[in-house]
Protein backbone atom coordinates (compact mmCIF):
# COMPACT_ATOMS: atom_id res chain seq x y z
CA MET A 1 58.32 74.00 167.16
CA CYS A 2 57.47 70.33 166.97
CA GLY A 3 59.28 67.89 164.75
CA ILE A 4 58.29 65.27 162.18
CA VAL A 5 60.17 62.25 160.89
CA GLY A 6 58.72 59.79 158.38
CA TYR A 7 60.27 56.71 156.75
CA ILE A 8 59.23 54.24 154.05
CA GLY A 9 61.60 51.56 152.85
CA THR A 10 62.77 48.01 153.54
CA ASN A 11 64.35 48.40 157.00
CA ASN A 12 62.67 48.62 160.38
CA ALA A 13 61.67 52.25 160.84
CA LYS A 14 61.81 52.12 164.65
CA GLY A 15 65.44 53.12 165.18
CA ILE A 16 65.38 55.66 162.35
CA LEU A 17 62.34 57.41 163.82
CA LEU A 18 63.64 57.47 167.39
CA GLU A 19 67.10 58.70 166.35
CA GLY A 20 65.54 61.29 164.07
CA LEU A 21 63.33 62.60 166.86
CA GLU A 22 66.38 62.83 169.13
CA LYS A 23 68.01 65.09 166.53
CA LEU A 24 64.89 67.29 166.63
CA GLU A 25 64.86 67.66 170.42
CA TYR A 26 66.48 71.09 170.03
CA ARG A 27 63.24 72.41 168.51
CA GLY A 28 61.44 72.17 171.86
CA TYR A 29 58.68 69.71 172.77
CA ASP A 30 56.68 68.30 175.67
CA SER A 31 55.58 64.90 174.34
CA ALA A 32 56.55 62.48 171.59
CA GLY A 33 55.33 59.42 169.73
CA ILE A 34 55.87 57.07 166.81
CA ALA A 35 53.69 54.84 164.63
CA LEU A 36 55.15 51.73 162.98
CA GLN A 37 53.22 50.14 160.13
CA ASN A 38 53.53 46.66 158.68
CA LYS A 39 51.08 44.53 156.70
CA GLU A 40 49.37 43.24 159.86
CA LEU A 41 49.01 46.29 162.10
CA VAL A 42 49.99 49.81 163.09
CA THR A 43 51.80 50.10 166.42
CA VAL A 44 51.39 53.52 168.05
CA VAL A 45 53.47 54.45 171.10
CA LYS A 46 53.34 57.98 172.52
CA GLU A 47 53.84 59.68 175.86
CA LYS A 48 54.41 62.95 177.64
CA GLY A 49 58.08 63.66 178.33
CA ARG A 50 61.40 63.08 176.60
CA ILE A 51 62.40 60.86 173.70
CA ALA A 52 64.28 58.66 176.14
CA ASP A 53 61.00 58.05 177.99
CA LEU A 54 59.29 57.19 174.71
CA ALA A 55 62.06 54.82 173.62
CA SER A 56 61.74 52.85 176.85
CA LEU A 57 58.04 52.23 176.07
CA VAL A 58 58.48 50.98 172.50
CA PRO A 59 58.32 47.15 172.44
CA SER A 60 61.61 45.55 171.50
CA ASP A 61 59.88 43.51 168.78
CA ALA A 62 57.99 46.49 167.30
CA PHE A 63 58.47 46.41 163.54
CA GLY A 64 57.36 48.42 160.54
CA THR A 65 58.92 49.32 157.21
CA THR A 66 56.77 52.45 157.15
CA GLY A 67 56.60 54.81 160.10
CA ILE A 68 55.98 58.35 161.29
CA GLY A 69 57.26 60.10 164.42
CA HIS A 70 56.56 63.37 166.15
CA THR A 71 57.67 65.68 168.92
CA ARG A 72 54.85 67.95 170.14
CA TRP A 73 54.94 71.44 171.62
CA ALA A 74 51.46 72.00 173.03
CA THR A 75 49.19 74.48 171.26
CA HIS A 76 45.80 72.79 171.78
CA GLY A 77 45.36 70.79 174.95
CA LYS A 78 47.68 69.95 177.80
CA PRO A 79 50.88 67.93 177.32
CA ASN A 80 49.61 64.42 178.05
CA HIS A 81 49.25 60.98 176.49
CA GLU A 82 45.92 61.70 174.81
CA ASN A 83 47.09 64.88 173.13
CA ALA A 84 50.46 63.49 172.05
CA HIS A 85 50.90 62.52 168.38
CA PRO A 86 50.40 60.34 166.37
CA HIS A 87 46.61 60.54 166.25
CA GLN A 88 44.39 57.90 164.66
CA SER A 89 41.03 57.97 162.98
CA LYS A 90 38.04 56.37 164.68
CA SER A 91 38.49 53.04 162.90
CA GLY A 92 42.28 53.08 163.23
CA ARG A 93 42.73 53.04 159.46
CA PHE A 94 44.52 56.39 159.27
CA THR A 95 47.38 57.63 161.45
CA ILE A 96 48.67 61.18 161.33
CA VAL A 97 51.29 63.56 162.76
CA HIS A 98 50.95 67.31 162.34
CA ASN A 99 52.90 70.48 163.08
CA GLY A 100 51.21 73.86 163.02
CA VAL A 101 47.88 75.37 164.04
CA ILE A 102 44.53 74.82 162.32
CA GLU A 103 42.61 78.03 162.96
CA ASN A 104 39.17 76.77 161.88
CA TYR A 105 39.22 73.35 163.54
CA THR A 106 36.18 74.08 165.74
CA LEU A 107 34.15 75.13 162.69
CA LEU A 108 35.18 71.95 160.88
CA LYS A 109 34.11 69.92 163.90
CA GLU A 110 30.69 71.53 163.89
CA GLU A 111 30.15 71.21 160.15
CA TYR A 112 31.50 67.72 159.44
CA LEU A 113 32.06 65.88 162.73
CA LYS A 114 29.23 67.02 164.96
CA ASP A 115 28.38 63.52 166.21
CA HIS A 116 31.95 62.33 166.51
CA SER A 117 33.53 61.71 169.93
CA PHE A 118 37.11 62.92 170.17
CA ILE A 119 39.86 61.37 172.28
CA SER A 120 42.12 64.44 172.38
CA ASP A 121 41.78 68.22 172.68
CA THR A 122 43.90 68.82 169.60
CA ASP A 123 43.18 70.42 166.25
CA THR A 124 45.14 67.55 164.68
CA GLU A 125 42.59 64.88 165.49
CA VAL A 126 40.03 66.84 163.47
CA ILE A 127 42.22 66.43 160.36
CA VAL A 128 42.53 62.65 160.62
CA GLN A 129 38.81 62.20 161.30
CA LEU A 130 37.99 64.35 158.26
CA ILE A 131 40.24 62.20 156.08
CA GLU A 132 38.48 59.04 157.22
CA LEU A 133 35.09 60.65 156.61
CA PHE A 134 36.00 61.63 153.06
CA ALA A 135 37.75 58.29 152.37
CA ALA A 136 34.37 56.56 152.52
CA GLU A 137 33.78 57.85 148.99
CA LEU A 138 37.23 58.94 147.78
CA SER A 139 40.71 57.48 147.40
CA THR A 140 43.14 58.19 150.23
CA LYS A 141 44.95 60.76 148.13
CA GLU A 142 41.75 62.60 147.19
CA ALA A 143 40.38 62.39 150.73
CA PHE A 144 43.67 63.85 152.02
CA LYS A 145 43.54 66.67 149.47
CA LYS A 146 39.90 67.45 150.24
CA ALA A 147 40.67 67.70 153.96
CA LEU A 148 43.67 69.93 153.26
CA SER A 149 41.58 72.24 151.10
CA LEU A 150 39.36 72.96 154.11
CA LEU A 151 42.15 73.82 156.54
CA HIS A 152 42.90 77.43 157.48
CA GLY A 153 46.23 77.92 159.20
CA SER A 154 49.60 76.23 159.18
CA TYR A 155 50.45 72.58 158.81
CA ALA A 156 53.11 70.01 158.04
CA ILE A 157 51.49 66.58 157.91
CA CYS A 158 52.52 62.95 157.49
CA LEU A 159 49.79 60.36 156.97
CA ILE A 160 49.74 56.57 156.72
CA ASP A 161 46.86 54.34 155.62
CA GLN A 162 46.68 50.80 157.00
CA THR A 163 45.01 49.59 153.78
CA ASP A 164 48.04 50.72 151.75
CA THR A 165 51.29 49.92 153.52
CA GLU A 166 53.39 50.88 150.47
CA THR A 167 52.60 54.60 150.57
CA LEU A 168 53.23 57.55 152.85
CA TYR A 169 51.47 60.88 152.31
CA ALA A 170 52.74 64.33 153.30
CA ALA A 171 51.81 67.98 152.79
CA LYS A 172 52.75 71.41 154.09
CA ASN A 173 51.58 74.99 154.41
CA LYS A 174 53.74 77.52 156.30
CA SER A 175 55.36 74.83 158.51
CA PRO A 176 58.66 73.36 157.23
CA LEU A 177 58.86 69.86 155.67
CA LEU A 178 61.42 68.16 153.40
CA ILE A 179 61.69 64.95 151.36
CA GLY A 180 64.93 63.03 151.85
CA LYS A 181 65.97 60.78 148.95
CA GLY A 182 67.58 57.36 149.38
CA GLU A 183 68.07 54.02 147.68
CA ASN A 184 65.15 51.67 148.38
CA PHE A 185 63.81 54.18 150.89
CA ASN A 186 62.67 57.77 151.25
CA VAL A 187 62.21 59.95 154.32
CA ILE A 188 60.21 62.99 155.37
CA ALA A 189 61.51 65.41 157.99
CA SER A 190 60.91 68.87 159.45
CA ASP A 191 64.65 69.44 159.42
CA ALA A 192 67.46 67.85 157.43
CA MET A 193 69.41 67.31 160.66
CA ALA A 194 66.90 64.64 161.69
CA VAL A 195 67.86 62.25 158.89
CA LEU A 196 71.43 63.15 157.93
CA LYS A 197 72.49 59.67 158.98
CA GLU A 198 70.22 58.31 156.23
CA THR A 199 70.73 60.86 153.44
CA ASP A 200 72.10 64.28 152.53
CA GLU A 201 69.94 64.73 149.41
CA PHE A 202 66.70 66.65 149.87
CA VAL A 203 63.80 68.10 147.93
CA GLU A 204 61.83 71.05 149.27
CA ILE A 205 58.07 70.87 149.69
CA MET A 206 56.43 74.25 149.09
CA ASP A 207 53.24 75.63 150.61
CA LYS A 208 50.01 73.87 149.60
CA GLU A 209 51.80 70.97 147.96
CA ILE A 210 51.21 67.27 148.59
CA VAL A 211 53.72 64.46 148.17
CA ILE A 212 52.97 60.76 147.71
CA VAL A 213 55.99 58.76 148.82
CA THR A 214 56.97 55.11 148.26
CA LYS A 215 60.25 53.35 148.94
CA ASP A 216 61.19 53.76 145.26
CA GLY A 217 60.29 57.40 144.70
CA PHE A 218 57.78 60.17 145.20
CA THR A 219 55.30 62.34 143.34
CA LEU A 220 55.00 66.01 144.19
CA GLU A 221 51.91 67.96 143.15
CA THR A 222 49.70 70.92 143.95
CA LEU A 223 46.35 70.50 145.70
CA GLU A 224 44.80 71.05 142.27
CA GLY A 225 46.58 67.97 140.93
CA GLU A 226 49.36 69.59 138.86
CA GLU A 227 52.54 67.51 139.05
CA ILE A 228 55.73 69.35 139.99
CA THR A 229 59.33 68.55 139.11
CA ARG A 230 61.86 70.05 141.49
CA ALA A 231 65.60 69.48 141.67
CA SER A 232 67.13 68.06 144.83
CA TYR A 233 69.92 69.71 146.79
CA LYS A 234 72.70 68.53 149.06
CA ALA A 235 72.39 69.55 152.69
CA GLU A 236 75.33 71.77 153.65
CA LEU A 237 75.69 70.02 156.99
CA ASP A 238 78.10 67.57 158.51
CA ALA A 239 76.58 65.04 160.89
CA SER A 240 79.46 65.76 163.29
CA ASP A 241 78.34 69.42 163.48
CA ILE A 242 75.24 68.42 165.40
CA GLU A 243 77.02 66.30 168.01
CA LYS A 244 78.02 67.58 171.44
CA GLY A 245 81.41 65.88 171.37
CA THR A 246 83.02 66.18 174.81
CA TYR A 247 80.77 69.06 175.91
CA PRO A 248 78.16 68.48 178.62
CA HIS A 249 75.66 70.75 176.82
CA TYR A 250 75.13 72.11 173.32
CA MET A 251 74.84 75.63 174.72
CA LEU A 252 78.37 75.58 176.12
CA LYS A 253 79.70 74.14 172.86
CA GLU A 254 77.97 76.88 170.88
CA ILE A 255 79.27 79.63 173.18
CA ASP A 256 82.77 78.29 172.60
CA GLU A 257 82.22 78.18 168.82
CA GLN A 258 81.64 81.93 168.52
CA PRO A 259 85.26 82.93 167.80
CA ALA A 260 85.37 80.39 164.94
CA VAL A 261 82.00 81.58 163.61
CA THR A 262 83.20 85.19 163.64
CA ARG A 263 86.28 84.23 161.62
CA LYS A 264 84.12 82.22 159.20
CA ILE A 265 81.98 85.29 158.58
CA ILE A 266 85.10 87.34 157.84
CA GLN A 267 86.19 84.75 155.27
CA ALA A 268 82.72 84.45 153.74
CA TYR A 269 82.31 88.19 153.17
CA GLN A 270 85.88 89.09 152.14
CA ASN A 271 86.73 89.77 148.51
CA GLU A 272 90.05 88.92 146.86
CA ALA A 273 91.53 92.21 148.07
CA GLY A 274 90.72 91.24 151.67
CA GLU A 275 87.97 93.85 151.98
CA ILE A 276 84.53 93.17 153.42
CA ASN A 277 82.16 92.86 150.50
CA VAL A 278 78.39 92.43 150.10
CA ASP A 279 76.65 91.58 146.84
CA LYS A 280 76.30 94.83 144.87
CA THR A 281 72.66 94.07 144.07
CA ILE A 282 71.82 94.05 147.79
CA ILE A 283 73.75 97.27 148.41
CA ASP A 284 72.05 99.07 145.51
CA GLU A 285 68.62 97.82 146.62
CA ILE A 286 69.09 99.16 150.14
CA LEU A 287 70.60 102.46 149.06
CA SER A 288 67.67 103.07 146.73
CA SER A 289 65.30 102.82 149.71
CA ASP A 290 64.38 105.71 151.98
CA ARG A 291 63.87 103.74 155.20
CA ILE A 292 64.78 100.32 156.55
CA HIS A 293 62.47 98.23 158.71
CA ILE A 294 64.10 95.39 160.67
CA VAL A 295 61.58 92.70 161.65
CA ALA A 296 62.51 89.95 164.11
CA CYS A 297 61.61 88.06 167.31
CA GLY A 298 63.34 87.44 170.63
CA THR A 299 67.13 87.26 170.39
CA SER A 300 67.01 88.23 166.70
CA TYR A 301 65.06 91.37 167.68
CA HIS A 302 67.85 92.31 170.10
CA ALA A 303 70.40 91.80 167.33
CA GLY A 304 68.24 94.05 165.16
CA LEU A 305 68.46 96.86 167.73
CA VAL A 306 72.26 96.67 167.49
CA GLY A 307 71.93 96.56 163.69
CA LYS A 308 69.88 99.77 163.71
CA ASN A 309 72.71 101.50 165.57
CA LEU A 310 75.30 100.23 163.08
CA ILE A 311 73.37 101.01 159.91
CA GLU A 312 72.31 104.51 160.98
CA LYS A 313 75.86 105.41 161.99
CA MET A 314 77.47 104.04 158.83
CA ALA A 315 74.83 104.52 156.12
CA LYS A 316 72.79 107.41 157.56
CA ILE A 317 69.56 105.63 156.55
CA PRO A 318 66.77 105.76 159.16
CA VAL A 319 66.03 102.31 160.61
CA GLU A 320 63.04 101.08 162.61
CA VAL A 321 63.06 97.77 164.49
CA HIS A 322 59.83 95.83 164.98
CA VAL A 323 58.72 92.78 166.94
CA SER A 324 57.37 90.42 164.29
CA SER A 325 54.31 89.26 166.21
CA GLU A 326 53.15 92.88 166.66
CA PHE A 327 54.21 94.22 163.28
CA GLY A 328 52.05 91.75 161.36
CA TYR A 329 48.87 93.15 162.90
CA ASN A 330 49.81 96.81 163.22
CA LEU A 331 51.71 98.09 160.21
CA PRO A 332 53.43 101.47 160.68
CA LEU A 333 52.98 104.36 158.31
CA MET A 334 55.14 103.58 155.29
CA SER A 335 57.53 105.90 153.51
CA LYS A 336 57.65 105.98 149.71
CA LYS A 337 60.26 103.27 149.29
CA PRO A 338 60.94 101.18 152.40
CA LEU A 339 63.03 98.02 152.51
CA PHE A 340 62.49 95.22 155.01
CA ILE A 341 65.20 93.13 156.68
CA PHE A 342 64.04 89.91 158.36
CA ILE A 343 66.41 88.41 160.92
CA THR A 344 65.84 84.75 161.79
CA GLN A 345 68.17 81.96 162.88
CA SER A 346 66.03 79.16 161.47
CA GLY A 347 64.48 80.94 158.52
CA GLU A 348 61.18 79.34 159.55
CA THR A 349 59.94 81.75 162.23
CA ALA A 350 56.18 81.90 161.67
CA ASP A 351 55.66 85.43 163.04
CA SER A 352 58.36 86.81 160.75
CA ARG A 353 57.12 84.86 157.74
CA GLN A 354 53.64 86.28 158.21
CA CYS A 355 55.18 89.77 158.01
CA LEU A 356 57.25 88.83 154.95
CA VAL A 357 54.18 87.62 153.08
CA LYS A 358 52.31 90.80 153.99
CA VAL A 359 55.01 93.26 152.89
CA LYS A 360 55.62 91.37 149.65
CA GLU A 361 51.90 91.62 148.89
CA LEU A 362 52.31 95.38 149.32
CA GLY A 363 55.15 95.34 146.78
CA TYR A 364 58.04 96.14 149.12
CA ARG A 365 61.55 94.70 148.74
CA THR A 366 62.92 92.25 151.29
CA LEU A 367 66.19 90.87 152.63
CA THR A 368 66.54 87.88 154.96
CA LEU A 369 69.46 87.28 157.33
CA THR A 370 69.35 83.59 158.23
CA ASN A 371 71.49 80.70 159.34
CA VAL A 372 69.69 78.16 157.14
CA PRO A 373 70.05 78.35 153.34
CA GLY A 374 66.95 76.99 151.65
CA SER A 375 64.69 77.84 154.58
CA THR A 376 61.30 79.45 153.96
CA LEU A 377 62.32 83.06 154.62
CA ASP A 378 65.47 82.55 152.57
CA ARG A 379 63.50 81.27 149.59
CA GLU A 380 60.74 83.84 149.76
CA ALA A 381 62.74 87.05 150.31
CA ASP A 382 64.16 88.99 147.37
CA HIS A 383 67.69 88.71 148.80
CA SER A 384 69.47 86.77 151.53
CA MET A 385 72.63 87.02 153.59
CA TYR A 386 73.80 83.99 155.53
CA LEU A 387 75.12 83.77 159.09
CA PHE A 388 77.51 80.83 158.59
CA ALA A 389 77.09 79.85 162.25
CA GLY A 390 76.51 76.15 161.61
CA PRO A 391 73.70 74.24 163.32
CA GLU A 392 72.58 75.81 166.58
CA ILE A 393 70.95 73.13 168.71
CA ALA A 394 70.48 74.68 172.17
CA VAL A 395 67.16 76.49 172.49
CA ALA A 396 68.84 79.58 173.94
CA SER A 397 70.57 81.25 171.00
CA THR A 398 74.20 82.28 171.43
CA LYS A 399 76.34 81.93 168.33
CA ALA A 400 73.47 82.89 166.01
CA TYR A 401 73.08 86.17 167.93
CA THR A 402 76.71 87.18 167.53
CA ALA A 403 76.64 85.97 163.91
CA GLN A 404 73.62 88.18 163.24
CA ILE A 405 75.38 91.23 164.67
CA SER A 406 78.57 90.43 162.74
CA VAL A 407 76.65 90.16 159.44
CA LEU A 408 74.73 93.34 160.23
CA ALA A 409 78.10 95.03 160.79
CA VAL A 410 79.28 93.69 157.43
CA LEU A 411 76.17 95.13 155.80
CA ALA A 412 76.43 98.49 157.59
CA VAL A 413 80.09 99.00 156.71
CA SER A 414 79.51 97.96 153.09
CA LEU A 415 76.67 100.48 152.82
CA GLY A 416 78.78 103.18 154.42
CA ARG A 417 81.75 102.55 152.14
CA GLU A 418 79.52 102.73 149.07
CA LEU A 419 78.28 106.12 150.30
CA GLY A 420 81.78 107.35 151.14
CA ASP A 421 81.11 107.63 154.89
CA ALA A 422 84.34 108.61 156.63
CA GLU A 423 83.97 106.20 159.53
CA ALA A 424 83.06 103.29 157.24
CA LEU A 425 86.06 104.02 155.01
CA LYS A 426 88.33 104.23 158.02
CA ILE A 427 87.34 100.98 159.74
CA ASN A 428 89.08 97.76 158.68
CA LEU A 429 86.16 95.53 159.58
CA ALA A 430 87.94 92.25 158.84
CA ALA A 431 90.71 93.20 161.24
CA GLU A 432 88.30 94.51 163.87
CA LEU A 433 86.19 91.34 163.75
CA GLY A 434 89.42 89.38 164.10
CA ILE A 435 90.10 91.32 167.30
CA VAL A 436 86.58 90.48 168.46
CA ALA A 437 87.23 86.77 167.84
CA THR A 438 90.41 86.95 169.92
CA ALA A 439 88.53 88.75 172.71
CA MET A 440 85.85 86.06 172.63
CA GLU A 441 88.51 83.37 172.99
CA ALA A 442 89.95 85.11 176.03
CA MET A 443 86.55 85.29 177.70
CA VAL A 444 85.46 81.71 177.02
CA SER A 445 88.75 80.70 178.61
CA SER A 446 87.70 82.51 181.81
CA LYS A 447 84.66 80.37 182.54
CA GLU A 448 85.57 79.75 186.17
CA VAL A 449 85.30 83.50 186.94
CA ILE A 450 81.77 83.68 185.51
CA GLU A 451 80.77 80.43 187.19
CA HIS A 452 81.77 81.92 190.54
CA ILE A 453 79.78 85.11 189.87
CA ALA A 454 76.73 83.05 188.86
CA GLY A 455 76.92 81.08 192.08
CA GLU A 456 77.32 84.19 194.20
CA PHE A 457 74.61 86.33 192.59
CA LEU A 458 72.07 84.00 190.98
CA ALA A 459 72.08 80.53 192.52
CA THR A 460 69.12 81.25 194.80
CA SER A 461 67.78 84.57 193.54
CA ARG A 462 64.19 84.89 192.32
CA ASN A 463 64.89 87.92 190.13
CA ALA A 464 67.69 89.99 188.62
CA PHE A 465 68.20 93.23 186.72
CA PHE A 466 70.66 94.03 183.92
CA LEU A 467 71.54 97.67 183.34
CA GLY A 468 73.06 99.36 180.31
CA ARG A 469 73.14 102.66 178.48
CA ASN A 470 73.40 103.35 174.77
CA ILE A 471 74.38 100.19 172.89
CA ASP A 472 74.92 98.35 176.19
CA TYR A 473 71.18 98.62 176.87
CA PHE A 474 70.48 96.33 173.90
CA VAL A 475 72.90 93.75 175.28
CA ALA A 476 71.33 94.07 178.74
CA MET A 477 68.00 93.08 177.18
CA GLU A 478 69.60 90.03 175.55
CA ALA A 479 71.41 89.11 178.78
CA ALA A 480 68.11 89.17 180.67
CA LEU A 481 66.43 87.03 178.02
CA LYS A 482 69.20 84.42 178.19
CA LEU A 483 68.94 84.25 181.98
CA LYS A 484 65.16 83.92 182.11
CA GLU A 485 65.11 81.38 179.24
CA ILE A 486 67.25 78.73 180.89
CA SER A 487 67.40 79.49 184.63
CA TYR A 488 63.75 80.65 185.05
CA ILE A 489 64.91 83.71 187.01
CA GLN A 490 62.65 86.72 186.44
CA ALA A 491 65.19 88.95 184.72
CA GLU A 492 64.81 92.32 183.01
CA GLY A 493 67.15 94.49 181.00
CA PHE A 494 66.78 98.24 181.55
CA ALA A 495 68.16 101.49 180.24
CA SER A 496 69.81 102.47 183.52
CA GLY A 497 68.68 106.10 183.33
CA GLU A 498 65.09 104.83 183.53
CA LEU A 499 65.62 103.33 186.99
CA LYS A 500 64.48 106.49 188.75
CA HIS A 501 61.31 106.56 186.63
CA GLY A 502 59.79 103.56 188.37
CA THR A 503 61.97 100.46 188.31
CA ILE A 504 64.04 101.42 191.34
CA ALA A 505 60.94 100.70 193.45
CA LEU A 506 61.70 97.00 192.91
CA ILE A 507 65.19 97.21 194.41
CA GLU A 508 65.49 95.73 197.89
CA ASP A 509 68.18 94.13 200.03
CA GLY A 510 70.08 91.52 198.04
CA THR A 511 68.52 92.21 194.62
CA PRO A 512 71.12 91.25 191.97
CA VAL A 513 71.88 94.15 189.63
CA LEU A 514 74.37 93.35 186.86
CA THR A 515 75.70 96.26 184.83
CA LEU A 516 77.39 96.41 181.43
CA ILE A 517 79.79 99.28 180.65
CA THR A 518 81.65 99.43 177.33
CA GLN A 519 81.31 103.07 176.24
CA GLU A 520 83.46 105.92 177.59
CA SER A 521 80.71 108.46 176.95
CA ILE A 522 78.36 106.90 179.51
CA ASN A 523 80.88 105.39 181.94
CA TRP A 524 80.36 107.76 184.84
CA ASN A 525 76.63 108.22 184.27
CA ILE A 526 75.93 104.55 184.62
CA ARG A 527 78.27 104.16 187.58
CA GLY A 528 76.10 106.78 189.25
CA ASN A 529 73.10 104.52 188.59
CA VAL A 530 74.98 101.60 190.14
CA ASN A 531 75.52 103.69 193.28
CA GLU A 532 71.80 104.51 193.37
CA VAL A 533 70.77 100.85 193.55
CA LEU A 534 73.67 100.02 195.88
CA ALA A 535 72.37 102.63 198.32
CA ARG A 536 69.03 100.79 198.33
CA GLY A 537 70.49 97.39 199.18
CA ALA A 538 71.15 95.90 195.75
CA LYS A 539 73.93 93.38 195.24
CA THR A 540 75.85 94.87 192.33
CA CYS A 541 78.20 93.39 189.75
CA VAL A 542 79.89 95.37 186.96
CA PHE A 543 81.13 93.91 183.66
CA ALA A 544 83.31 96.62 182.12
CA MET A 545 85.44 96.88 179.01
CA GLU A 546 89.10 97.33 179.84
CA ASN A 547 89.28 100.94 178.61
CA VAL A 548 86.64 102.00 181.16
CA ALA A 549 87.23 99.40 183.91
CA GLN A 550 87.62 100.55 187.51
CA PRO A 551 88.85 98.83 190.68
CA GLY A 552 86.04 96.70 192.06
CA ASP A 553 84.58 95.72 188.68
CA ARG A 554 83.95 91.97 188.73
CA PHE A 555 84.79 91.11 185.12
CA VAL A 556 86.94 92.96 182.57
CA ILE A 557 85.94 92.58 178.90
CA PRO A 558 88.83 92.81 176.39
CA GLN A 559 88.67 96.01 174.38
CA VAL A 560 87.19 95.95 170.87
CA HIS A 561 86.01 98.63 168.42
CA PRO A 562 83.29 100.80 170.07
CA LEU A 563 80.68 99.85 167.45
CA LEU A 564 81.35 96.13 167.95
CA THR A 565 81.22 95.96 171.74
CA PRO A 566 77.96 93.93 171.81
CA LEU A 567 79.86 91.03 170.23
CA ALA A 568 82.20 90.97 173.21
CA SER A 569 80.02 92.08 176.13
CA VAL A 570 77.41 89.40 175.49
CA ILE A 571 79.87 86.53 176.03
CA PRO A 572 80.07 86.79 179.86
CA CYS A 573 76.29 87.27 179.91
CA GLN A 574 75.77 84.02 177.99
CA LEU A 575 78.11 82.18 180.33
CA LEU A 576 76.39 83.75 183.34
CA ALA A 577 73.03 82.37 182.20
CA TYR A 578 74.56 78.97 181.53
CA TYR A 579 76.14 78.62 184.98
CA ALA A 580 73.10 80.08 186.74
CA ALA A 581 71.01 77.33 185.11
CA LEU A 582 73.51 74.69 186.23
CA HIS A 583 73.48 76.00 189.80
CA ARG A 584 69.70 75.74 189.78
CA ASP A 585 69.68 72.26 188.23
CA CYS A 586 67.79 73.36 185.11
CA ASP A 587 67.75 71.66 181.71
CA VAL A 588 70.15 73.98 179.90
CA ASP A 589 69.59 72.89 176.30
CA LYS A 590 65.87 72.19 176.51
CA PRO A 591 64.25 74.71 178.87
CA ARG A 592 60.62 74.17 179.75
CA ASN A 593 57.88 75.51 177.49
CA LEU A 594 60.31 76.82 174.85
CA ALA A 595 61.04 75.79 171.29
CA LYS A 596 64.03 76.50 169.08
CA SER A 597 62.26 76.92 165.77
CA VAL A 598 59.02 78.79 166.44
CA THR A 599 56.80 77.70 163.56
CA VAL A 600 53.43 78.76 164.99
CA GLU A 601 52.20 82.35 165.19
């Protein structure tokens, strides 16, 4: 959530900040602003709404060789001009942008700023007023550090001081922030994608570190004053990867990229003999455990439910799946030697990181599945496996979800083969994932069929239900999440056998009920459930795999291996959500109130 871009150099920062913020739009935000600093003044422009709205307000002659920019997702105070960042101190000397949540900001107000009048409702303004208070007796650097030492919570901060136009200050704790290195300039960003046009060389900032940046270099140190030397790394991104190209929306582009991502995963995890292969250290670590706990949020949680099914079938190790935001405050009873798998697209998910920190403190071993090498959960876990999905920009996850399931399948089969499981030894996973990729291609080429179904069933509906049994139930949950995320239809995914235990009371004339059927073992059971809602006036639509398809089914899914059906059955569901959103004139890539990288708990 939220995004930060900072620049110090010799060029005008205006265009760099605005373009950088545009690249961070995928993270989700409701207001934006920039501050441009030169030797005469600091120009602050901020407003509720989109970056395009902000850009239209920035004076054409606005100039500053130092600048900071921000996209805000509201946590304290309504989305409006006053609460938008940047925030300034009372005198205007200090200007700040901040991501994260300061948990003790009201206590700090009462203790240090009791007589101060605040312009905004934010926790951020407390930070900048504290810095100015302490700067009356301390240097800017020491005042900044003193303020940071008082903060409880998460933060990524950029600070400028009008009395020192040659320096930019930054710090982080829990929220992501990077230094980007250049010639005669340096940049700060929440995400490398924001500044790839300027540089591809980055240095990580770790928790509770501060960085003092000039156009010629930077100094990294702890809050206690110990200087740190850290090697830079090259961002494994191509600027063209984060462009829409000829697509109208990132989401549609990313749906179409799923066959290529699946094939990339095959290549990444194949050994020289063409067999699927996972690092032996990871396999041994998992096999030495007595229980696996998968911890994730949202779409990643749904992928984890599929992963549980795969791992238990192949490796015969019991698996529990937990919602991160609940797990962190309600730990289950632990077995003697559990292992924790964290699934996260961004590698920065605050709820999951909180859980990672907690289980590491308890001495348990951890594995992260992430799309972003070098991200926080990647760095802090004992082991990592990568998704190889490339940048995912649309808020509603599509290709990361199928990548997560594919990598979980790779892990499950590798575990099973190591144990000598008959089914794991029998399956040629590389070939089966290749079949999945081909099936995906066939379905993304049938967009007009799904578009018609979306128009017929969802264009004007207030709610919808997705039904599934067995592994299809997990996909039904993900399908409902996709639909509600971007079309704002109240959608729910249900185990269809549970209908008669309460949910069927919600069925009335015209209620859309969309059903997934990919498993022969439950084919006729779930068709009986479809008849039950049909008899009560529901408008029904069946998506069935070709081996179980019947006349009257609205969409036939190409057949894939029974354990891998979620990789195929989710494709029409993703397209259904996309076209439903278009029919309802919704912002597909940037749905209201949501953020891509959820960096607050």
